[in-house]
Amino acid sequence: MGTDERYVVYFRDRVAGIDPPLRTDSVEFYDSGVRVTREGGRDFFPYEVIGRIRERTAGGGAAGTEEGSPT
């Protein structure tokens, strides 16, 4: 992804093929989970594996906490 990575996705447990946290500029919300667009394609993750999704502020940090902190 480029410099417009607007969302940071944290997972409850390790997800194969993903280096946490996942940074992306596109998250689509559905009843059963989220679809994330990233380099190499789009992935769907059920809510059971998602720990938190943060929207980054205009300054580049995660809204509400310091960058990288999932709590």
Foldseek 3Di string as FASTA:
>chain_A
DDPQQFKWWDWPDDDPPDDPGDTANDWDDDPFFIWGADPPGIDTDGPNGTDDMFTADPVGATPPDGRPDSD
